[in-house]
Amino acid sequence: SGALCAGHGLSFGPAVRRVLGEIWVLGVLACGAVDSVIARIMFYVDEDSKGCLSMRDLRRSSLVHIWCSLNPSTELSAVRKFFSYDHFYVLYCTFHELDEDDDFLLHRSDLCKYQGHSISALVEARLFSQAAHSFTCQKPHHINFDDWIWFVLAYHEVTLPKALRFWFDVFDLDGDGLLRDHELEAAFESQAERLRARDGRAQSYKEFICQLGECGVCGELWVCSSDALGLPTAAAAAGISVSDLLQSPAAAAVLINCLLKAHVLKAFEDGEALHTLAEPPALERALFAGFTPFEVYAHSEYAAFTAQRYEEAAAEGPTGGTSPEGNLSD
């Protein structure tokens, strides 16, 4: 992530540090702040995961425009893309909450606690096998802050091509380039086991596929056949390709979110409106028009974190309290 343009090998880490030094008060968190900006730039702009940015990448993105618009008078809360302090605050605080031993690394047992133990054992195992994405952390069974940012963005920005390719590789257990019935069933059952342990019940795989068919998701992603019971099943011979996901990102998001996130699978089983599983509700979309799913999530989390900080400061009294941002380095 140190190269700016292919063929030139120009590092833009120092440039990011200079920009942040003008619009943020970096303090002891300077390295983490710079790393978060670079990680976000690479996730969104380096669409082909080359590890560097080409001139074509720069022309196709808003990075240059946003970068040039920053100045010392920039209102931090108004910055959403790449350089947002609020987003860094959320990424750092959520990482810190899971990092119970304060070694600035997350063990796989820490990561599985994210979003209320949302991810399944299968997804956890696939993530740490690095079959879909190589970590920058060299310690086995751990991820660092850079890896954490990449995971959180992929987790929330499911409809982006990069995220769709990533989750496709996670669920493509045999690596043959197709998601077949047995792979979808394995991913579903791993998540359903979590719901059964927590709630005592969960629908069957056939019921899940049938529900997808009734909602039209199956028709968007693959041609369904019917078994002896009349329930649609993924056509094992054809399967789902990554191109199928890319051509129907909203339908793909429903499938992936259900297999990835326990609370989404539960909501789907309970009959929650289909579009809310792929994107925020209508009121939320109206309030946050132009926001990406991660930006909506970060806005909500930032409000919750800062409210918690103010409550803690109020409880400590006028001599012990500090601003929410002042507690970030604790």
Protein backbone atom coordinates (compact mmCIF):
# COMPACT_ATOMS: atom_id res chain seq x y z
CA SER A 1 0.00 0.00 0.00
CA GLY A 2 3.01 2.28 -0.24
CA ALA A 3 3.05 2.78 -4.03
CA LEU A 4 0.98 5.56 -5.49
CA CYS A 5 1.25 4.94 -9.23
CA ALA A 6 2.25 1.73 -10.95
CA GLY A 7 5.73 1.97 -12.42
CA HIS A 8 6.83 4.88 -10.23
CA GLY A 9 6.95 3.37 -6.75
CA LEU A 10 6.05 6.67 -5.09
CA SER A 11 5.04 6.33 -1.44
CA PHE A 12 2.10 8.46 -0.43
CA GLY A 13 2.33 7.66 3.30
CA PRO A 14 4.32 10.87 4.03
CA ALA A 15 1.85 12.91 1.97
CA VAL A 16 -1.09 11.49 3.94
CA ARG A 17 0.71 12.27 7.19
CA ARG A 18 1.26 15.90 6.11
CA VAL A 19 -2.38 16.33 5.12
CA LEU A 20 -3.66 14.82 8.37
CA GLY A 21 -1.24 16.95 10.34
CA GLU A 22 -2.99 20.01 8.93
CA ILE A 23 -6.61 18.95 9.51
CA TRP A 24 -6.32 16.60 12.53
CA VAL A 25 -4.56 16.72 15.89
CA LEU A 26 -2.71 13.44 15.41
CA GLY A 27 -0.91 12.99 18.72
CA VAL A 28 0.06 9.45 19.72
CA LEU A 29 -2.41 7.97 17.23
CA ALA A 30 -0.59 9.34 14.18
CA CYS A 31 0.49 5.95 12.83
CA GLY A 32 -2.96 4.44 13.21
CA ALA A 33 -4.58 7.48 11.62
CA VAL A 34 -2.29 7.41 8.60
CA ASP A 35 -2.69 3.65 8.25
CA SER A 36 -6.49 3.97 8.34
CA VAL A 37 -6.51 6.57 5.55
CA ILE A 38 -4.17 4.53 3.36
CA ALA A 39 -6.13 1.32 3.99
CA ARG A 40 -9.38 3.02 3.00
CA ILE A 41 -7.84 4.54 -0.10
CA MET A 42 -6.49 1.17 -1.20
CA PHE A 43 -9.77 -0.60 -0.51
CA TYR A 44 -11.93 1.79 -2.51
CA VAL A 45 -9.57 3.00 -5.24
CA ASP A 46 -7.42 -0.07 -5.95
CA GLU A 47 -10.36 -2.00 -7.42
CA ASP A 48 -8.19 -4.82 -8.80
CA SER A 49 -6.25 -5.33 -5.55
CA LYS A 50 -2.89 -4.69 -7.24
CA GLY A 51 -1.38 -3.18 -4.10
CA CYS A 52 -0.74 0.15 -5.83
CA LEU A 53 -2.69 2.89 -7.57
CA SER A 54 -2.43 3.47 -11.29
CA MET A 55 -3.31 6.68 -13.11
CA ARG A 56 -6.42 4.86 -14.34
CA ASP A 57 -7.44 4.19 -10.73
CA LEU A 58 -6.97 7.84 -9.84
CA ARG A 59 -8.98 9.06 -12.83
CA ARG A 60 -11.88 6.75 -11.99
CA SER A 61 -12.06 7.72 -8.32
CA SER A 62 -12.84 10.89 -6.36
CA LEU A 63 -9.58 10.69 -4.41
CA VAL A 64 -7.72 13.55 -6.12
CA HIS A 65 -10.72 15.88 -5.91
CA ILE A 66 -11.27 15.14 -2.22
CA TRP A 67 -7.56 15.42 -1.41
CA CYS A 68 -7.31 18.82 -3.08
CA SER A 69 -10.40 20.07 -1.25
CA LEU A 70 -8.84 19.55 2.20
CA ASN A 71 -7.39 22.50 4.07
CA PRO A 72 -6.79 23.52 7.71
CA SER A 73 -10.29 25.01 7.94
CA THR A 74 -12.01 21.80 6.79
CA GLU A 75 -14.79 20.75 9.17
CA LEU A 76 -13.84 17.22 10.20
CA SER A 77 -17.42 16.04 10.64
CA ALA A 78 -18.11 17.00 7.01
CA VAL A 79 -15.39 14.71 5.65
CA ARG A 80 -16.73 11.28 4.74
CA LYS A 81 -14.43 9.82 2.12
CA PHE A 82 -10.98 8.46 3.02
CA PHE A 83 -9.90 11.19 5.47
CA SER A 84 -12.81 11.15 7.93
CA TYR A 85 -11.74 11.47 11.55
CA ASP A 86 -15.11 10.10 12.68
CA HIS A 87 -14.56 6.93 10.66
CA PHE A 88 -11.06 6.47 12.05
CA TYR A 89 -12.48 6.95 15.55
CA VAL A 90 -15.03 4.17 14.95
CA LEU A 91 -12.49 1.81 13.37
CA TYR A 92 -10.03 2.39 16.19
CA CYS A 93 -12.57 2.10 19.02
CA THR A 94 -14.17 -1.09 17.68
CA PHE A 95 -10.70 -2.60 17.24
CA HIS A 96 -9.72 -1.53 20.76
CA GLU A 97 -12.91 -3.02 22.25
CA LEU A 98 -12.10 -6.43 20.78
CA ASP A 99 -8.37 -6.23 21.61
CA GLU A 100 -8.71 -7.45 25.19
CA ASP A 101 -4.99 -8.01 25.79
CA ASP A 102 -4.03 -4.60 24.33
CA ASP A 103 -1.33 -5.98 22.02
CA PHE A 104 -2.83 -4.08 19.04
CA LEU A 105 -3.55 -7.41 17.35
CA LEU A 106 -6.80 -9.36 17.16
CA HIS A 107 -6.75 -13.11 17.62
CA ARG A 108 -9.34 -15.03 15.61
CA SER A 109 -11.28 -15.55 18.85
CA ASP A 110 -11.45 -11.74 19.19
CA LEU A 111 -12.66 -11.18 15.65
CA CYS A 112 -15.53 -13.65 15.98
CA LYS A 113 -17.06 -11.40 18.67
CA TYR A 114 -17.65 -8.57 16.18
CA GLN A 115 -21.26 -7.42 15.81
CA GLY A 116 -22.50 -9.73 18.56
CA HIS A 117 -20.76 -12.90 17.34
CA SER A 118 -22.19 -12.31 13.88
CA ILE A 119 -19.84 -14.37 11.73
CA SER A 120 -20.01 -18.16 11.64
CA ALA A 121 -17.29 -20.69 12.42
CA LEU A 122 -16.97 -21.46 8.70
CA VAL A 123 -16.44 -17.81 7.77
CA GLU A 124 -13.96 -17.37 10.62
CA ALA A 125 -11.97 -20.39 9.47
CA ARG A 126 -11.98 -19.24 5.85
CA LEU A 127 -10.87 -15.73 6.80
CA PHE A 128 -7.88 -16.99 8.75
CA SER A 129 -6.95 -19.56 6.12
CA GLN A 130 -6.35 -16.42 3.97
CA ALA A 131 -7.84 -18.25 1.00
CA ALA A 132 -9.64 -15.09 -0.12
CA HIS A 133 -7.32 -12.32 1.09
CA SER A 134 -3.77 -12.31 2.50
CA PHE A 135 -3.25 -10.53 5.80
CA THR A 136 -0.44 -8.07 6.33
CA CYS A 137 -0.06 -9.39 9.89
CA GLN A 138 2.69 -12.01 10.10
CA LYS A 139 1.58 -13.58 13.40
CA PRO A 140 -0.48 -16.75 12.83
CA HIS A 141 -4.19 -16.58 13.72
CA HIS A 142 -4.03 -12.81 14.20
CA ILE A 143 -4.85 -9.67 12.25
CA ASN A 144 -3.48 -6.16 12.69
CA PHE A 145 -5.20 -2.80 12.35
CA ASP A 146 -4.73 -2.68 8.56
CA ASP A 147 -6.32 -6.12 8.19
CA TRP A 148 -9.11 -5.07 10.53
CA ILE A 149 -9.98 -2.05 8.39
CA TRP A 150 -10.08 -4.21 5.26
CA PHE A 151 -12.39 -6.72 6.98
CA VAL A 152 -14.79 -4.08 8.34
CA LEU A 153 -15.10 -2.37 4.95
CA ALA A 154 -15.72 -5.68 3.16
CA TYR A 155 -18.22 -6.67 5.87
CA HIS A 156 -20.32 -3.54 5.43
CA GLU A 157 -19.76 -2.64 1.75
CA VAL A 158 -21.05 -6.00 0.48
CA THR A 159 -22.35 -4.68 -2.85
CA LEU A 160 -18.97 -3.31 -3.98
CA PRO A 161 -17.28 -5.43 -6.69
CA LYS A 162 -14.17 -5.90 -4.53
CA ALA A 163 -16.25 -7.10 -1.58
CA LEU A 164 -18.38 -9.38 -3.77
CA ARG A 165 -15.24 -11.02 -5.16
CA PHE A 166 -13.84 -11.40 -1.67
CA TRP A 167 -16.93 -13.04 -0.18
CA PHE A 168 -17.32 -15.21 -3.25
CA ASP A 169 -13.82 -16.60 -2.60
CA VAL A 170 -14.66 -17.10 1.09
CA PHE A 171 -17.67 -19.27 0.25
CA ASP A 172 -16.07 -21.04 -2.74
CA LEU A 173 -14.76 -23.81 -0.53
CA ASP A 174 -13.20 -25.96 -3.25
CA GLY A 175 -11.87 -23.00 -5.24
CA ASP A 176 -13.40 -24.13 -8.55
CA GLY A 177 -14.83 -20.69 -9.36
CA LEU A 178 -18.45 -21.64 -8.69
CA LEU A 179 -20.65 -21.58 -5.62
CA ARG A 180 -22.43 -24.90 -5.71
CA ASP A 181 -25.28 -26.27 -3.65
CA HIS A 182 -23.10 -28.13 -1.15
CA GLU A 183 -21.03 -24.99 -0.48
CA LEU A 184 -24.07 -22.80 0.07
CA GLU A 185 -25.54 -25.46 2.37
CA ALA A 186 -22.30 -25.70 4.37
CA ALA A 187 -22.19 -21.91 4.81
CA PHE A 188 -25.87 -21.80 5.76
CA GLU A 189 -25.65 -24.66 8.26
CA SER A 190 -22.64 -23.12 9.97
CA GLN A 191 -24.64 -19.94 10.53
CA ALA A 192 -27.88 -21.78 11.36
CA GLU A 193 -26.09 -23.76 14.08
CA ARG A 194 -25.34 -20.45 15.80
CA LEU A 195 -29.01 -19.46 15.68
CA ARG A 196 -30.15 -22.87 16.95
CA ALA A 197 -27.72 -22.63 19.87
CA ARG A 198 -28.93 -19.12 20.70
CA ASP A 199 -32.64 -19.25 19.88
CA GLY A 200 -33.38 -22.97 19.96
CA ARG A 201 -34.43 -23.11 16.32
CA ALA A 202 -33.57 -22.06 12.77
CA GLN A 203 -35.08 -22.84 9.41
CA SER A 204 -33.68 -25.63 7.27
CA TYR A 205 -31.47 -25.04 4.25
CA LYS A 206 -34.27 -26.06 1.90
CA GLU A 207 -36.61 -23.60 3.56
CA PHE A 208 -33.97 -20.90 3.22
CA ILE A 209 -33.49 -21.56 -0.51
CA CYS A 210 -37.25 -21.69 -0.99
CA GLN A 211 -37.58 -18.30 0.70
CA LEU A 212 -34.88 -16.89 -1.55
CA GLY A 213 -36.81 -18.24 -4.54
CA GLU A 214 -40.05 -16.65 -3.37
CA CYS A 215 -38.28 -13.30 -3.01
CA GLY A 216 -36.79 -13.49 -6.49
CA VAL A 217 -33.18 -13.73 -5.35
CA CYS A 218 -32.71 -17.16 -6.91
CA GLY A 219 -33.90 -15.96 -10.29
CA GLU A 220 -31.43 -13.08 -10.14
CA LEU A 221 -28.40 -15.24 -9.34
CA TRP A 222 -28.96 -18.69 -10.75
CA VAL A 223 -31.57 -20.92 -12.37
CA CYS A 224 -33.32 -22.99 -9.75
CA SER A 225 -34.33 -26.58 -10.17
CA SER A 226 -36.90 -28.28 -7.96
CA ASP A 227 -36.46 -31.30 -5.77
CA ALA A 228 -39.04 -33.95 -5.05
CA LEU A 229 -40.73 -31.68 -2.52
CA GLY A 230 -41.05 -28.84 -4.99
CA LEU A 231 -38.46 -26.73 -3.17
CA PRO A 232 -35.96 -24.84 -5.30
CA THR A 233 -32.33 -25.87 -4.95
CA ALA A 234 -29.25 -24.33 -6.47
CA ALA A 235 -28.42 -26.15 -9.67
CA ALA A 236 -25.34 -28.11 -8.61
CA ALA A 237 -24.05 -28.51 -12.14
CA ALA A 238 -24.18 -24.79 -12.97
CA GLY A 239 -23.64 -23.09 -9.63
CA ILE A 240 -23.16 -19.35 -9.13
CA SER A 241 -20.18 -17.57 -10.67
CA VAL A 242 -18.61 -14.37 -9.46
CA SER A 243 -19.97 -12.74 -12.63
CA ASP A 244 -23.48 -13.64 -11.49
CA LEU A 245 -22.88 -11.78 -8.24
CA LEU A 246 -21.39 -8.76 -9.99
CA GLN A 247 -24.31 -8.54 -12.42
CA SER A 248 -26.90 -8.55 -9.60
CA PRO A 249 -25.24 -6.88 -6.59
CA ALA A 250 -28.47 -6.26 -4.66
CA ALA A 251 -29.55 -9.89 -4.91
CA ALA A 252 -25.99 -10.99 -4.17
CA ALA A 253 -25.97 -8.82 -1.04
CA VAL A 254 -29.07 -10.59 0.30
CA LEU A 255 -27.47 -14.01 -0.16
CA ILE A 256 -24.06 -13.00 1.21
CA ASN A 257 -25.44 -11.02 4.15
CA CYS A 258 -27.58 -14.00 5.20
CA LEU A 259 -24.62 -16.38 5.06
CA LEU A 260 -22.24 -13.87 6.64
CA LYS A 261 -24.25 -12.22 9.43
CA ALA A 262 -26.32 -14.15 11.96
CA HIS A 263 -28.64 -11.24 12.72
CA VAL A 264 -29.42 -10.79 9.01
CA LEU A 265 -30.22 -14.49 8.57
CA LYS A 266 -32.53 -14.27 11.59
CA ALA A 267 -34.24 -11.18 10.16
CA PHE A 268 -34.66 -12.91 6.79
CA GLU A 269 -36.15 -15.97 8.45
CA ASP A 270 -38.55 -13.73 10.37
CA GLY A 271 -39.76 -12.17 7.11
CA GLU A 272 -38.09 -8.77 7.25
CA ALA A 273 -38.54 -6.79 4.04
CA LEU A 274 -36.05 -8.04 1.46
CA HIS A 275 -34.63 -4.65 0.45
CA THR A 276 -33.59 -3.87 4.02
CA LEU A 277 -31.25 -6.86 3.96
CA ALA A 278 -29.31 -5.41 1.05
CA GLU A 279 -29.52 -1.71 1.94
CA PRO A 280 -30.69 0.55 4.80
CA PRO A 281 -34.43 1.27 5.33
CA ALA A 282 -36.05 4.07 3.31
CA LEU A 283 -35.95 6.64 6.13
CA GLU A 284 -32.29 5.92 6.75
CA ARG A 285 -31.54 6.22 3.04
CA ALA A 286 -33.31 9.58 2.96
CA LEU A 287 -31.39 10.87 5.98
CA PHE A 288 -28.08 9.61 4.63
CA ALA A 289 -28.50 10.14 0.91
CA GLY A 290 -25.22 9.51 -0.86
CA PHE A 291 -23.73 7.63 2.10
CA THR A 292 -22.30 4.16 1.62
CA PRO A 293 -23.37 1.35 4.02
CA PHE A 294 -20.11 1.70 5.93
CA GLU A 295 -20.59 5.46 6.25
CA VAL A 296 -24.10 4.95 7.66
CA TYR A 297 -22.75 2.37 10.11
CA ALA A 298 -19.84 4.62 11.12
CA HIS A 299 -22.16 7.59 11.66
CA SER A 300 -24.33 5.57 14.03
CA GLU A 301 -21.37 4.05 15.87
CA TYR A 302 -19.63 7.41 16.25
CA ALA A 303 -22.76 8.87 17.83
CA ALA A 304 -22.97 5.92 20.22
CA PHE A 305 -19.28 6.10 21.16
CA THR A 306 -19.30 9.84 21.77
CA ALA A 307 -22.52 9.61 23.83
CA GLN A 308 -20.84 6.94 25.97
CA ARG A 309 -17.76 9.13 26.41
CA TYR A 310 -19.86 12.10 27.52
CA GLU A 311 -21.72 9.92 30.03
CA GLU A 312 -18.41 8.66 31.41
CA ALA A 313 -17.05 12.21 31.59
CA ALA A 314 -20.18 13.43 33.38
CA ALA A 315 -19.94 10.58 35.89
CA GLU A 316 -16.31 11.47 36.63
CA GLY A 317 -17.24 15.06 37.38
CA PRO A 318 -15.72 18.37 36.22
CA THR A 319 -12.19 17.50 37.33
CA GLY A 320 -11.97 14.03 35.85
CA GLY A 321 -13.95 14.35 32.64
CA THR A 322 -12.45 14.88 29.21
CA SER A 323 -13.82 15.26 25.75
CA PRO A 324 -14.80 12.08 23.90
CA GLU A 325 -11.90 12.46 21.49
CA GLY A 326 -9.53 13.05 24.39
CA ASN A 327 -10.23 9.55 25.69
CA LEU A 328 -9.38 7.90 22.40
CA SER A 329 -5.76 7.28 23.32
CA ASP A 330 -6.62 5.66 26.67
